[in-house]
Amino acid sequence: MRDDLEKLIRDTSLVTLALAIGFGWSLYQLAHGIAGTLDALTAHLPPNTSNPGYIGVGAYGGGVTWISGRRIITLDGILQGLIELAAVTLVAVLVQRRRARTAA
């Protein structure tokens, strides 16, 4: 297995390896954001808590967090993961275009 990994690293450019790490990390962040959203949805607030400044809400997110009934809805982590995934995808497309232009 070690020989296969060394061969893969020899055959793969540093840019491809960096993009693969970027994609993996952004997918991890997206999954972490989904888990955070599900965790916040399962949290029950005390009755008559409709104040968004409630002391416990800050732990779940920031700007894209609100209270609906006795549930906390937060989309911060999902948004962060999607932005990271879009940024890595954009870099991959730009690198591919540049490689195609230099190869032609």
N, C-alpha and C. Protein backbone atom coordinates (compact mmCIF):
# COMPACT_ATOMS: atom_id res chain seq x y z
N MET A 1 0.83 -1.19 0.00
CA MET A 1 0.00 0.00 0.00
C MET A 1 0.87 1.25 0.00
N ARG A 2 1.97 1.18 0.72
CA ARG A 2 2.86 2.35 0.78
C ARG A 2 3.44 2.65 -0.61
N ASP A 3 3.78 1.62 -1.36
CA ASP A 3 4.30 1.83 -2.71
C ASP A 3 3.25 2.46 -3.62
N ASP A 4 2.00 2.02 -3.46
CA ASP A 4 0.91 2.61 -4.25
C ASP A 4 0.74 4.09 -3.93
N LEU A 5 0.83 4.43 -2.65
CA LEU A 5 0.70 5.83 -2.24
C LEU A 5 1.85 6.66 -2.79
N GLU A 6 3.07 6.13 -2.72
CA GLU A 6 4.22 6.86 -3.26
C GLU A 6 4.10 7.05 -4.77
N LYS A 7 3.59 6.04 -5.48
CA LYS A 7 3.40 6.16 -6.92
C LYS A 7 2.34 7.21 -7.24
N LEU A 8 1.26 7.21 -6.46
CA LEU A 8 0.21 8.19 -6.65
C LEU A 8 0.75 9.61 -6.45
N ILE A 9 1.55 9.80 -5.43
CA ILE A 9 2.12 11.12 -5.15
C ILE A 9 3.08 11.53 -6.27
N ARG A 10 3.86 10.59 -6.80
CA ARG A 10 4.76 10.90 -7.91
C ARG A 10 3.99 11.30 -9.16
N ASP A 11 2.87 10.64 -9.41
CA ASP A 11 2.10 10.89 -10.63
C ASP A 11 1.16 12.09 -10.52
N THR A 12 0.94 12.57 -9.33
CA THR A 12 -0.01 13.65 -9.11
C THR A 12 0.75 14.95 -8.89
N SER A 13 0.29 16.00 -9.54
CA SER A 13 0.95 17.29 -9.35
C SER A 13 0.57 17.87 -7.98
N LEU A 14 1.38 18.80 -7.55
CA LEU A 14 1.14 19.44 -6.26
C LEU A 14 -0.18 20.21 -6.27
N VAL A 15 -0.53 20.81 -7.40
CA VAL A 15 -1.78 21.57 -7.50
C VAL A 15 -2.97 20.62 -7.35
N THR A 16 -2.91 19.47 -8.01
CA THR A 16 -4.00 18.50 -7.91
C THR A 16 -4.15 18.01 -6.48
N LEU A 17 -3.03 17.75 -5.83
CA LEU A 17 -3.06 17.30 -4.44
C LEU A 17 -3.65 18.38 -3.53
N ALA A 18 -3.26 19.63 -3.75
CA ALA A 18 -3.79 20.73 -2.94
C ALA A 18 -5.30 20.90 -3.16
N LEU A 19 -5.74 20.77 -4.42
CA LEU A 19 -7.17 20.88 -4.69
C LEU A 19 -7.95 19.73 -4.06
N ALA A 20 -7.38 18.54 -4.08
CA ALA A 20 -8.05 17.39 -3.45
C ALA A 20 -8.18 17.61 -1.94
N ILE A 21 -7.15 18.14 -1.33
CA ILE A 21 -7.21 18.44 0.10
C ILE A 21 -8.26 19.54 0.36
N GLY A 22 -8.29 20.55 -0.51
CA GLY A 22 -9.28 21.62 -0.37
C GLY A 22 -10.70 21.10 -0.50
N PHE A 23 -10.95 20.24 -1.50
CA PHE A 23 -12.28 19.65 -1.66
C PHE A 23 -12.66 18.82 -0.43
N GLY A 24 -11.72 18.02 0.03
CA GLY A 24 -12.01 17.19 1.21
C GLY A 24 -12.34 18.02 2.43
N TRP A 25 -11.56 19.08 2.64
CA TRP A 25 -11.79 19.94 3.80
C TRP A 25 -13.13 20.67 3.69
N SER A 26 -13.46 21.17 2.50
CA SER A 26 -14.72 21.89 2.36
C SER A 26 -15.92 20.95 2.50
N LEU A 27 -15.78 19.72 2.04
CA LEU A 27 -16.87 18.74 2.25
C LEU A 27 -17.01 18.40 3.73
N TYR A 28 -15.88 18.33 4.43
CA TYR A 28 -15.94 18.11 5.88
C TYR A 28 -16.65 19.28 6.57
N GLN A 29 -16.31 20.50 6.17
CA GLN A 29 -16.94 21.67 6.77
C GLN A 29 -18.44 21.70 6.48
N LEU A 30 -18.83 21.30 5.27
CA LEU A 30 -20.25 21.25 4.92
C LEU A 30 -20.97 20.22 5.78
N ALA A 31 -20.37 19.04 5.94
CA ALA A 31 -20.98 18.01 6.79
C ALA A 31 -21.05 18.48 8.24
N HIS A 32 -20.03 19.19 8.70
CA HIS A 32 -20.03 19.73 10.06
C HIS A 32 -21.13 20.77 10.23
N GLY A 33 -21.35 21.59 9.20
CA GLY A 33 -22.42 22.58 9.25
C GLY A 33 -23.79 21.94 9.29
N ILE A 34 -23.97 20.86 8.51
CA ILE A 34 -25.25 20.13 8.54
C ILE A 34 -25.47 19.53 9.92
N ALA A 35 -24.42 18.97 10.50
CA ALA A 35 -24.54 18.40 11.84
C ALA A 35 -24.88 19.48 12.87
N GLY A 36 -24.27 20.66 12.73
CA GLY A 36 -24.58 21.76 13.64
C GLY A 36 -26.03 22.22 13.52
N THR A 37 -26.53 22.25 12.28
CA THR A 37 -27.93 22.63 12.06
C THR A 37 -28.87 21.62 12.70
N LEU A 38 -28.58 20.34 12.50
CA LEU A 38 -29.42 19.30 13.11
C LEU A 38 -29.34 19.33 14.63
N ASP A 39 -28.15 19.60 15.16
CA ASP A 39 -27.99 19.70 16.61
C ASP A 39 -28.80 20.87 17.16
N ALA A 40 -28.76 22.00 16.47
CA ALA A 40 -29.51 23.17 16.94
C ALA A 40 -31.02 22.93 16.84
N LEU A 41 -31.45 22.21 15.81
CA LEU A 41 -32.88 21.94 15.66
C LEU A 41 -33.41 21.04 16.77
N THR A 42 -32.56 20.18 17.30
CA THR A 42 -33.01 19.27 18.36
C THR A 42 -32.96 19.92 19.75
N ALA A 43 -32.36 21.10 19.86
CA ALA A 43 -32.32 21.80 21.15
C ALA A 43 -33.68 22.42 21.43
N HIS A 44 -34.17 22.26 22.64
CA HIS A 44 -35.45 22.85 23.04
C HIS A 44 -35.17 24.03 23.95
N LEU A 45 -35.74 25.15 23.61
CA LEU A 45 -35.61 26.33 24.45
C LEU A 45 -36.69 26.31 25.52
N PRO A 46 -36.44 27.00 26.63
CA PRO A 46 -37.47 27.10 27.67
C PRO A 46 -38.72 27.78 27.11
N PRO A 47 -39.88 27.52 27.70
CA PRO A 47 -41.11 28.17 27.24
C PRO A 47 -40.99 29.69 27.28
N ASN A 48 -41.72 30.34 26.39
CA ASN A 48 -41.77 31.81 26.29
C ASN A 48 -40.41 32.43 25.99
N THR A 49 -39.58 31.72 25.25
CA THR A 49 -38.29 32.26 24.84
C THR A 49 -38.37 32.61 23.37
N SER A 50 -38.58 33.86 23.09
CA SER A 50 -38.63 34.29 21.69
C SER A 50 -37.59 35.36 21.42
N ASN A 51 -36.76 35.65 22.39
CA ASN A 51 -35.74 36.68 22.26
C ASN A 51 -34.52 36.10 21.53
N PRO A 52 -34.17 36.61 20.34
CA PRO A 52 -33.00 36.10 19.64
C PRO A 52 -31.70 36.31 20.40
N GLY A 53 -31.70 37.21 21.35
CA GLY A 53 -30.51 37.44 22.16
C GLY A 53 -30.41 36.49 23.33
N TYR A 54 -31.25 35.47 23.35
CA TYR A 54 -31.23 34.48 24.43
C TYR A 54 -29.81 33.96 24.62
N ILE A 55 -29.41 33.81 25.84
CA ILE A 55 -28.01 33.50 26.16
C ILE A 55 -27.51 32.23 25.49
N GLY A 56 -28.36 31.25 25.27
CA GLY A 56 -27.91 29.98 24.70
C GLY A 56 -27.81 29.98 23.20
N VAL A 57 -28.39 30.95 22.52
CA VAL A 57 -28.40 30.96 21.06
C VAL A 57 -27.02 31.26 20.49
N GLY A 58 -26.24 32.06 21.16
CA GLY A 58 -24.93 32.44 20.66
C GLY A 58 -24.00 31.27 20.42
N ALA A 59 -24.20 30.19 21.14
CA ALA A 59 -23.35 29.02 20.97
C ALA A 59 -23.64 28.30 19.66
N TYR A 60 -24.79 28.54 19.06
CA TYR A 60 -25.17 27.80 17.86
C TYR A 60 -24.78 28.49 16.57
N GLY A 61 -24.57 29.74 16.57
CA GLY A 61 -24.23 30.39 15.31
C GLY A 61 -24.16 31.89 15.46
N GLY A 62 -24.20 32.56 14.32
CA GLY A 62 -24.08 34.00 14.33
C GLY A 62 -25.19 34.66 13.56
N GLY A 63 -24.87 35.19 12.39
CA GLY A 63 -25.79 36.01 11.64
C GLY A 63 -26.95 35.29 10.99
N VAL A 64 -26.81 34.00 10.70
CA VAL A 64 -27.87 33.28 10.01
C VAL A 64 -28.51 32.30 11.00
N THR A 65 -28.86 32.81 12.16
CA THR A 65 -29.47 32.00 13.22
C THR A 65 -30.69 32.74 13.73
N TRP A 66 -31.78 32.03 13.91
CA TRP A 66 -32.98 32.64 14.46
C TRP A 66 -33.77 31.59 15.23
N ILE A 67 -34.73 32.08 16.00
CA ILE A 67 -35.58 31.21 16.81
C ILE A 67 -36.96 31.15 16.17
N SER A 68 -37.47 29.94 16.03
CA SER A 68 -38.81 29.73 15.51
C SER A 68 -39.54 28.85 16.51
N GLY A 69 -40.47 29.43 17.21
CA GLY A 69 -41.13 28.68 18.27
C GLY A 69 -40.12 28.42 19.38
N ARG A 70 -39.92 27.14 19.71
CA ARG A 70 -38.92 26.78 20.72
C ARG A 70 -37.73 26.08 20.08
N ARG A 71 -37.52 26.32 18.80
CA ARG A 71 -36.41 25.70 18.05
C ARG A 71 -35.41 26.76 17.60
N ILE A 72 -34.16 26.38 17.54
CA ILE A 72 -33.10 27.25 17.03
C ILE A 72 -32.80 26.78 15.61
N ILE A 73 -32.85 27.70 14.68
CA ILE A 73 -32.53 27.39 13.29
C ILE A 73 -31.26 28.16 12.95
N THR A 74 -30.22 27.44 12.60
CA THR A 74 -28.95 28.07 12.25
C THR A 74 -28.42 27.48 10.95
N LEU A 75 -28.04 28.35 10.05
CA LEU A 75 -27.53 27.92 8.76
C LEU A 75 -26.09 28.39 8.53
N ASP A 76 -25.46 28.90 9.58
CA ASP A 76 -24.10 29.43 9.45
C ASP A 76 -23.11 28.39 8.95
N GLY A 77 -23.10 27.22 9.56
CA GLY A 77 -22.14 26.19 9.18
C GLY A 77 -22.34 25.69 7.77
N ILE A 78 -23.61 25.52 7.38
CA ILE A 78 -23.90 25.07 6.02
C ILE A 78 -23.45 26.13 5.02
N LEU A 79 -23.73 27.39 5.32
CA LEU A 79 -23.33 28.47 4.43
C LEU A 79 -21.81 28.54 4.31
N GLN A 80 -21.12 28.39 5.41
CA GLN A 80 -19.66 28.41 5.40
C GLN A 80 -19.12 27.26 4.54
N GLY A 81 -19.66 26.06 4.72
CA GLY A 81 -19.21 24.92 3.93
C GLY A 81 -19.48 25.10 2.45
N LEU A 82 -20.64 25.65 2.10
CA LEU A 82 -20.97 25.89 0.70
C LEU A 82 -20.06 26.94 0.07
N ILE A 83 -19.73 27.98 0.82
CA ILE A 83 -18.83 29.01 0.31
C ILE A 83 -17.44 28.43 0.09
N GLU A 84 -16.96 27.62 1.03
CA GLU A 84 -15.65 27.00 0.87
C GLU A 84 -15.63 26.06 -0.33
N LEU A 85 -16.70 25.27 -0.49
CA LEU A 85 -16.79 24.35 -1.62
C LEU A 85 -16.82 25.12 -2.94
N ALA A 86 -17.57 26.21 -2.98
CA ALA A 86 -17.63 27.03 -4.20
C ALA A 86 -16.27 27.66 -4.51
N ALA A 87 -15.55 28.10 -3.48
CA ALA A 87 -14.24 28.71 -3.70
C ALA A 87 -13.25 27.69 -4.25
N VAL A 88 -13.23 26.50 -3.70
CA VAL A 88 -12.31 25.46 -4.19
C VAL A 88 -12.69 25.06 -5.61
N THR A 89 -13.98 24.95 -5.88
CA THR A 89 -14.43 24.61 -7.24
C THR A 89 -14.00 25.70 -8.23
N LEU A 90 -14.15 26.96 -7.85
CA LEU A 90 -13.73 28.06 -8.71
C LEU A 90 -12.24 28.00 -8.99
N VAL A 91 -11.44 27.74 -7.97
CA VAL A 91 -9.99 27.63 -8.17
C VAL A 91 -9.68 26.46 -9.09
N ALA A 92 -10.36 25.34 -8.92
CA ALA A 92 -10.12 24.17 -9.78
C ALA A 92 -10.46 24.49 -11.24
N VAL A 93 -11.56 25.20 -11.47
CA VAL A 93 -11.94 25.58 -12.83
C VAL A 93 -10.91 26.53 -13.43
N LEU A 94 -10.46 27.49 -12.66
CA LEU A 94 -9.45 28.44 -13.16
C LEU A 94 -8.14 27.73 -13.49
N VAL A 95 -7.72 26.80 -12.64
CA VAL A 95 -6.50 26.04 -12.90
C VAL A 95 -6.66 25.20 -14.16
N GLN A 96 -7.81 24.57 -14.33
CA GLN A 96 -8.05 23.74 -15.51
C GLN A 96 -8.03 24.58 -16.79
N ARG A 97 -8.63 25.75 -16.74
CA ARG A 97 -8.62 26.64 -17.92
C ARG A 97 -7.20 27.08 -18.26
N ARG A 98 -6.44 27.40 -17.22
CA ARG A 98 -5.07 27.84 -17.46
C ARG A 98 -4.23 26.71 -18.05
N ARG A 99 -4.42 25.50 -17.55
CA ARG A 99 -3.69 24.34 -18.09
C ARG A 99 -4.10 24.09 -19.53
N ALA A 100 -5.38 24.21 -19.84
CA ALA A 100 -5.86 23.98 -21.21
C ALA A 100 -5.29 25.04 -22.15
N ARG A 101 -5.19 26.27 -21.67
CA ARG A 101 -4.65 27.36 -22.48
C ARG A 101 -3.16 27.17 -22.76
N THR A 102 -2.40 26.73 -21.78
CA THR A 102 -0.96 26.53 -21.96
C THR A 102 -0.68 25.28 -22.79
N ALA A 103 -1.58 24.28 -22.74
CA ALA A 103 -1.38 23.06 -23.51
C ALA A 103 -1.72 23.25 -25.00
N ALA A 104 -2.54 24.23 -25.29
CA ALA A 104 -2.96 24.45 -26.69
C ALA A 104 -1.97 25.21 -27.49
